[in-house]
Protein backbone atom coordinates (compact mmCIF):
# COMPACT_ATOMS: atom_id res chain seq x y z
CA UNK A 1 -10.28 10.89 98.55
CA UNK A 2 -8.09 13.93 99.18
CA UNK A 3 -8.87 17.63 99.05
CA UNK A 4 -7.79 18.95 95.68
CA UNK A 5 -5.68 21.94 94.84
CA UNK A 6 -6.14 24.22 91.83
CA UNK A 7 -9.80 25.19 92.09
CA UNK A 8 -11.90 28.19 93.07
CA UNK A 9 -15.21 28.46 94.90
CA UNK A 10 -18.21 29.90 93.03
CA UNK A 11 -21.71 30.88 94.09
CA UNK A 12 -24.35 28.40 95.26
CA UNK A 13 -21.74 25.89 96.37
CA UNK A 14 -20.32 25.30 92.92
CA UNK A 15 -16.58 25.10 92.24
CA UNK A 16 -14.41 25.62 89.19
CA UNK A 17 -11.50 23.27 88.54
CA UNK A 18 -8.45 25.09 87.16
CA UNK A 19 -6.28 22.15 86.11
CA UNK A 20 -7.09 21.86 82.42
CA UNK A 21 -8.55 23.82 79.55
CA UNK A 22 -12.08 22.53 80.20
CA UNK A 23 -12.26 24.75 83.32
CA UNK A 24 -15.17 22.63 84.57
CA UNK A 25 -17.83 24.28 86.71
CA UNK A 26 -18.93 21.53 89.09
CA UNK A 27 -22.12 21.46 91.13
CA UNK A 28 -22.53 19.84 94.54
CA UNK A 29 -22.08 16.07 94.38
CA UNK A 30 -20.97 16.11 90.74
CA UNK A 31 -17.65 15.49 89.04
CA UNK A 32 -15.90 17.26 86.20
CA UNK A 33 -15.47 15.85 82.70
CA UNK A 34 -12.62 13.67 83.94
CA UNK A 35 -15.00 11.99 86.44
CA UNK A 36 -12.32 11.88 89.15
CA UNK A 37 -12.66 15.34 90.76
CA UNK A 38 -15.83 15.81 92.84
CA UNK A 39 -17.50 18.73 94.56
CA UNK A 40 -18.29 17.69 98.15
CA UNK A 41 -20.11 20.43 100.09
CA UNK A 42 -18.39 23.20 98.14
CA UNK A 43 -14.90 21.68 98.30
CA UNK A 44 -13.22 19.95 95.35
CA UNK A 45 -11.73 16.55 96.05
CA UNK A 46 -9.48 14.26 94.04
CA UNK A 47 -10.91 10.75 94.01
CA UNK A 48 -7.71 9.15 92.72
CA UNK A 49 -4.92 10.54 94.90
CA UNK A 50 -2.68 7.62 95.87
CA UNK A 51 -4.74 5.09 93.89
CA UNK A 52 -2.89 3.50 91.01
CA UNK A 53 -4.69 1.41 88.40
CA UNK A 54 -1.44 0.44 86.67
CA UNK A 55 2.20 0.23 87.71
CA UNK A 56 4.87 -1.21 85.43
CA UNK A 57 8.54 -0.98 84.56
CA UNK A 58 8.78 0.23 80.94
CA UNK A 59 11.57 1.13 78.57
CA UNK A 60 11.53 4.90 78.20
CA UNK A 61 11.17 4.34 74.45
CA UNK A 62 7.64 3.02 75.05
CA UNK A 63 6.37 6.47 76.10
CA UNK A 64 7.68 7.25 73.41
CA UNK A 65 10.68 9.35 74.45
CA UNK A 66 13.67 8.83 72.15
CA UNK A 67 15.90 11.72 73.22
CA UNK A 68 15.49 11.30 76.97
CA UNK A 69 17.84 8.80 78.64
CA UNK A 70 17.58 6.30 75.77
CA UNK A 71 17.94 2.68 76.76
CA UNK A 72 16.85 3.26 80.37
CA UNK A 73 13.79 2.08 82.27
CA UNK A 74 11.07 4.17 83.84
CA UNK A 75 8.54 3.20 86.48
CA UNK A 76 5.12 3.95 84.99
CA UNK A 77 2.00 4.68 87.02
CA UNK A 78 -1.55 5.75 86.20
CA UNK A 79 -4.92 6.41 87.77
CA UNK A 80 -8.30 5.86 86.19
CA UNK A 81 -9.99 8.70 84.32
CA UNK A 82 -9.37 11.12 81.48
CA UNK A 83 -10.47 14.59 80.40
CA UNK A 84 -10.78 13.47 76.75
CA UNK A 85 -13.28 11.08 75.17
CA UNK A 86 -11.18 9.78 72.29
CA UNK A 87 -13.13 7.34 70.15
CA UNK A 88 -9.88 5.57 69.25
CA UNK A 89 -8.41 5.41 72.79
CA UNK A 90 -5.79 2.70 73.23
CA UNK A 91 -6.39 2.48 77.02
CA UNK A 92 -10.14 3.04 77.22
CA UNK A 93 -10.63 0.26 79.78
CA UNK A 94 -8.90 2.41 82.41
CA UNK A 95 -9.17 5.94 80.99
CA UNK A 96 -12.96 5.75 80.67
CA UNK A 97 -13.59 3.43 83.62
CA UNK A 98 -15.18 6.04 85.92
CA UNK A 99 -17.41 7.27 83.11
CA UNK A 100 -18.50 3.75 82.09
CA UNK A 101 -19.02 2.36 85.60
CA UNK A 102 -19.56 5.36 87.85
CA UNK A 103 -16.88 3.92 90.11
CA UNK A 104 -13.29 4.65 91.10
CA UNK A 105 -10.85 1.77 91.30
CA UNK A 106 -7.14 1.30 91.94
CA UNK A 107 -4.75 -0.02 94.55
CA UNK A 108 -3.38 2.24 97.27
CA UNK A 109 0.09 3.33 96.16
CA UNK A 110 1.40 6.31 98.11
CA UNK A 111 3.97 8.67 96.55
CA UNK A 112 6.85 7.51 98.77
CA UNK A 113 6.06 3.89 97.91
CA UNK A 114 6.05 4.68 94.19
CA UNK A 115 9.53 6.16 94.49
CA UNK A 116 10.82 3.29 96.64
CA UNK A 117 9.54 0.79 94.08
CA UNK A 118 11.06 2.69 91.16
CA UNK A 119 14.46 2.70 92.85
CA UNK A 120 14.27 -0.95 93.88
CA UNK A 121 13.57 -1.94 90.27
CA UNK A 122 16.51 -0.06 88.85
CA UNK A 123 14.55 2.69 87.11
CA UNK A 124 15.99 6.10 86.26
CA UNK A 125 12.70 7.87 86.68
CA UNK A 126 8.94 7.83 87.15
CA UNK A 127 6.52 8.23 84.24
CA UNK A 128 2.96 9.47 84.70
CA UNK A 129 1.29 7.78 81.77
CA UNK A 130 -1.34 5.39 80.29
CA UNK A 131 -4.16 7.80 81.22
CA UNK A 132 -4.07 11.60 81.43
CA UNK A 133 -1.85 12.65 84.38
CA UNK A 134 -3.22 16.20 84.52
CA UNK A 135 -6.45 14.98 86.14
CA UNK A 136 -4.50 13.53 89.08
CA UNK A 137 -1.97 16.35 89.31
CA UNK A 138 -1.86 16.46 93.11
CA UNK A 139 -0.73 12.83 93.09
CA UNK A 140 1.76 13.53 90.29
CA UNK A 141 3.28 16.54 92.06
CA UNK A 142 3.55 14.84 95.43
CA UNK A 143 5.26 11.85 93.83
CA UNK A 144 7.48 13.93 91.55
CA UNK A 145 8.84 16.02 94.43
CA UNK A 146 9.91 12.92 96.33
CA UNK A 147 11.33 11.40 93.15
CA UNK A 148 13.57 14.43 92.60
CA UNK A 149 14.90 14.33 96.15
CA UNK A 150 15.83 10.67 95.59
CA UNK A 151 17.62 11.32 92.29
CA UNK A 152 14.90 10.18 89.90
CA UNK A 153 13.61 12.09 86.88
CA UNK A 154 9.95 12.70 86.09
CA UNK A 155 8.19 12.35 82.75
CA UNK A 156 4.58 12.92 81.69
CA UNK A 157 2.75 11.46 78.74
CA UNK A 158 -0.11 13.86 78.17
CA UNK A 159 -2.86 14.90 75.79
CA UNK A 160 -1.71 18.50 76.18
CA UNK A 161 -4.85 19.90 77.80
CA UNK A 162 -2.97 21.09 80.89
CA UNK A 163 -3.70 24.73 81.74
CA UNK A 164 -0.70 26.84 80.73
CA UNK A 165 -0.44 28.53 84.14
CA UNK A 166 -0.21 25.08 85.73
CA UNK A 167 2.64 24.21 83.37
CA UNK A 168 4.61 27.37 84.15
CA UNK A 169 3.72 27.48 87.84
CA UNK A 170 3.70 23.82 88.90
CA UNK A 171 5.41 21.59 86.33
CA UNK A 172 8.39 23.80 85.53
CA UNK A 173 11.43 22.52 87.38
CA UNK A 174 9.67 19.34 88.48
CA UNK A 175 8.73 17.54 85.27
CA UNK A 176 11.88 16.81 83.28
CA UNK A 177 10.40 15.44 80.07
CA UNK A 178 7.03 15.05 78.37
CA UNK A 179 5.53 13.43 75.34
CA UNK A 180 2.53 15.42 74.16
CA UNK A 181 -0.14 14.14 71.80
CA UNK A 182 -0.97 16.42 68.89
CA UNK A 183 -3.78 14.29 67.56
CA UNK A 184 -4.68 16.39 64.54
CA UNK A 185 -4.70 19.97 63.33
CA UNK A 186 -8.41 20.68 62.95
CA UNK A 187 -11.07 21.69 65.43
CA UNK A 188 -13.42 19.22 63.73
CA UNK A 189 -11.21 16.26 64.65
CA UNK A 190 -10.78 17.35 68.26
CA UNK A 191 -14.47 18.12 68.70
CA UNK A 192 -15.83 15.04 66.94
CA UNK A 193 -13.36 12.40 68.11
CA UNK A 194 -11.98 13.75 71.41
CA UNK A 195 -14.64 16.08 72.87
CA UNK A 196 -11.97 18.76 73.16
CA UNK A 197 -10.45 21.69 71.27
CA UNK A 198 -7.22 22.12 69.32
CA UNK A 199 -6.09 25.58 70.45
CA UNK A 200 -5.39 24.70 74.11
CA UNK A 201 -3.16 21.82 72.99
CA UNK A 202 -1.09 24.14 70.81
CA UNK A 203 -0.80 26.59 73.69
CA UNK A 204 0.30 23.81 76.03
CA UNK A 205 2.99 22.55 73.66
CA UNK A 206 4.48 26.05 73.57
CA UNK A 207 4.17 26.35 77.35
CA UNK A 208 5.91 23.03 78.06
CA UNK A 209 8.75 24.06 75.75
CA UNK A 210 9.00 27.54 77.26
CA UNK A 211 9.14 25.98 80.74
CA UNK A 212 12.36 24.20 79.80
CA UNK A 213 10.77 20.75 79.84
CA UNK A 214 12.17 18.42 77.19
CA UNK A 215 9.24 17.60 74.88
CA UNK A 216 8.50 15.17 72.11
CA UNK A 217 5.24 15.11 70.14
CA UNK A 218 3.19 12.12 68.98
CA UNK A 219 0.52 11.94 66.29
CA UNK A 220 -1.52 8.77 65.86
CA UNK A 221 -2.08 8.76 62.10
CA UNK A 222 -5.63 7.55 61.37
CA UNK A 223 -6.61 6.82 57.74
CA UNK A 224 -9.25 9.22 56.49
CA UNK A 225 -9.15 11.41 59.59
CA UNK A 226 -5.79 13.18 59.94
CA UNK A 227 -3.59 11.67 57.22
CA UNK A 228 -3.94 14.23 54.43
CA UNK A 229 -0.78 15.86 53.13
CA UNK A 230 -2.15 19.27 54.06
CA UNK A 231 -2.91 18.38 57.67
CA UNK A 232 0.37 16.56 58.25
CA UNK A 233 2.18 19.55 56.78
CA UNK A 234 0.33 21.86 59.17
CA UNK A 235 1.27 19.70 62.16
CA UNK A 236 4.93 19.52 61.15
CA UNK A 237 5.06 23.24 60.45
CA UNK A 238 3.61 24.06 63.85
CA UNK A 239 6.04 21.81 65.71
CA UNK A 240 8.93 23.30 63.77
CA UNK A 241 7.75 26.81 64.69
CA UNK A 242 8.16 25.89 68.36
CA UNK A 243 11.52 24.21 67.73
CA UNK A 244 12.93 22.12 64.87
CA UNK A 245 14.69 20.04 67.54
CA UNK A 246 11.41 18.58 68.85
CA UNK A 247 11.13 14.91 67.85
CA UNK A 248 7.88 14.00 66.09
CA UNK A 249 6.57 10.44 66.51
CA UNK A 250 4.18 9.19 63.83
CA UNK A 251 2.33 6.26 65.31
CA UNK A 252 0.51 3.56 63.37
CA UNK A 253 -3.20 3.31 64.14
CA UNK A 254 -4.88 0.01 64.93
CA UNK A 255 -8.67 -0.26 65.45
CA UNK A 256 -9.56 0.35 69.10
CA UNK A 257 -12.46 1.28 71.42
CA UNK A 258 -15.37 2.92 69.55
CA UNK A 259 -13.40 3.74 66.40
CA UNK A 260 -12.99 0.62 64.28
CA UNK A 261 -14.06 1.77 60.83
CA UNK A 262 -10.53 2.42 59.54
CA UNK A 263 -7.93 -0.19 58.70
CA UNK A 264 -4.46 -0.05 60.28
CA UNK A 265 -2.41 2.83 58.91
CA UNK A 266 -0.48 1.79 55.78
CA UNK A 267 3.26 1.91 56.38
CA UNK A 268 3.55 3.95 53.19
CA UNK A 269 1.40 6.66 54.81
CA UNK A 270 3.75 6.87 57.78
CA UNK A 271 6.74 7.03 55.43
CA UNK A 272 5.14 9.85 53.46
CA UNK A 273 4.34 11.66 56.71
CA UNK A 274 7.94 11.29 57.84
CA UNK A 275 9.13 12.82 54.58
CA UNK A 276 6.73 15.73 55.13
CA UNK A 277 8.07 16.33 58.62
CA UNK A 278 11.66 16.37 57.44
CA UNK A 279 10.81 18.62 54.49
CA UNK A 280 9.21 21.14 56.89
CA UNK A 281 12.48 21.41 58.80
CA UNK A 282 12.07 18.96 61.66
CA UNK A 283 15.33 17.16 62.40
CA UNK A 284 13.95 14.04 64.04
CA UNK A 285 10.85 12.28 62.72
CA UNK A 286 10.08 8.73 63.81
CA UNK A 287 7.70 5.98 62.70
CA UNK A 288 6.03 4.10 65.54
CA UNK A 289 4.24 0.75 65.89
CA UNK A 290 6.19 -0.61 62.91
CA UNK A 291 8.77 -3.03 64.26
CA UNK A 292 12.12 -3.01 62.46
CA UNK A 293 11.43 0.07 60.33
CA UNK A 294 14.31 2.39 59.46
CA UNK A 295 12.26 5.25 60.89
CA UNK A 296 12.88 3.92 64.41
CA UNK A 297 16.52 5.03 64.36
CA UNK A 298 17.98 8.40 65.32
CA UNK A 299 20.04 9.92 62.51
CA UNK A 300 22.60 12.65 63.08
CA UNK A 301 21.46 15.90 61.43
CA UNK A 302 25.11 16.76 60.82
CA UNK A 303 26.33 13.73 58.88
CA UNK A 304 23.27 11.52 58.41
CA UNK A 305 24.74 8.50 60.20
CA UNK A 306 22.70 6.42 62.63
CA UNK A 307 23.58 7.44 66.18
CA UNK A 308 20.92 5.43 68.03
CA UNK A 309 19.83 2.10 66.55
CA UNK A 310 16.48 0.78 67.77
CA UNK A 311 14.24 -2.18 67.23
CA UNK A 312 10.86 -1.62 68.80
CA UNK A 313 11.44 -0.36 72.32
CA UNK A 314 14.98 -1.74 72.47
CA UNK A 315 18.11 0.36 71.90
CA UNK A 316 20.51 -1.95 70.05
CA UNK A 317 23.53 0.37 70.03
CA UNK A 318 24.51 4.02 70.13
CA UNK A 319 27.22 6.09 68.47
CA UNK A 320 27.25 9.01 70.87
CA UNK A 321 29.95 10.58 73.01
CA UNK A 322 27.77 12.15 75.66
CA UNK A 323 25.44 14.22 73.49
CA UNK A 324 27.76 14.36 70.45
CA UNK A 325 27.77 12.22 67.32
CA UNK A 326 30.86 9.99 67.29
CA UNK A 327 31.19 10.50 63.54
CA UNK A 328 31.09 14.31 63.22
CA UNK A 329 30.77 15.71 66.79
CA UNK A 330 27.38 17.29 66.02
CA UNK A 331 25.53 17.92 69.31
CA UNK A 332 22.14 16.23 69.50
CA UNK A 333 19.30 17.90 71.43
CA UNK A 334 17.81 16.01 74.32
CA UNK A 335 18.88 14.52 77.61
CA UNK A 336 21.23 11.62 77.02
CA UNK A 337 23.00 11.35 80.39
C-alpha cells in the first residue's frame, strides 16, 4: 500500500479520486469503483503499487499496436482491478478480482525491477496492459520514468477513461504509444455493458492524440450490440475526425465472462466493418482475432501495396525504408524505428 497521488480531500474525511472520469467520492475505509484505491483516515492509498498480477514478454502486435515498432517485443505488466465492469471482459479473472473476492493479490515487482527485466529479455519497451493501467497510475508513472532513462519506450492499453488533465499533465512526454478501446458509440452500450459513459472516452481519445502520443483504436465487434452499419460508421467517422492516420482495429468477439449470448463475430461482419472504415476516410483498418486474414496486413495508402505482412502477432516481412514505402516512397504514420 502506497499513498496515492491525484486526489483531493473533502469534508467528513471523504476523498475524491481525480484519476478517471468516474471522479469517485470515497468514504473512510472504502474503495473507489476500481476497488484498488482506498480511503484510510482521510488519505487515499493505492493498494496495487508495485504489485504485478501478470508479467510477460509479448509481441507489440498483441496489444494491438501495428504502427509502433512492428516486429519488436514489449514487456507487459498489470495489476488487479478495473474501473469498468464489462460483461464481455476478456481478462475478468484479474480485472474483477478485487471486486469478486474483496482481496488484492499480486507479486512484488518494483519499478526498477520491471525495467531491469524488460532489458534483460530484449524488449524495446514496457506495456501497461491486460487490466486498466489508469487505476494504478502511480505505479505506471514511476516505472515509465525509469524506463525512459534506460532507453525503453512506454505503451498503455486503456479503456480511455483517463481524466483528460491527467493525460495532458502526466502522460504527455512519458507515454509513447497507446491503444484505446472505443467499445461502441452509444451511451446505452457503455451504461448497460460497461457501467461507464461514452463521452469521456471520446474526450480521452482526442486528448491522447493532442498530447502527441501515438494512438491506435480497437473496437471489439459484438453481434447484436455494436455491429450495425450505422454505429460502425459513427465510430469510423469519429476516429477520422481526430485523424485519418489513426489505425482502427476491429476485433472478433468470442463469448467471455458474463456475456455469452452472442456467437463469435462472423468474419463477414468484420470485413464489412473494415470497408466502412476505409469508406469513411481511415487509411488503416485491421481485422483482429482472425488468423491469416488479409486484413492483418498494412497496405500503403499511396500505392496499395503491402508494406507490412503479418500472420497473427508475427511480422513476416516489411517493405519499408525507415517510414517510407519501398514501392512509392509514401511516408507512413507511426513510429517504425
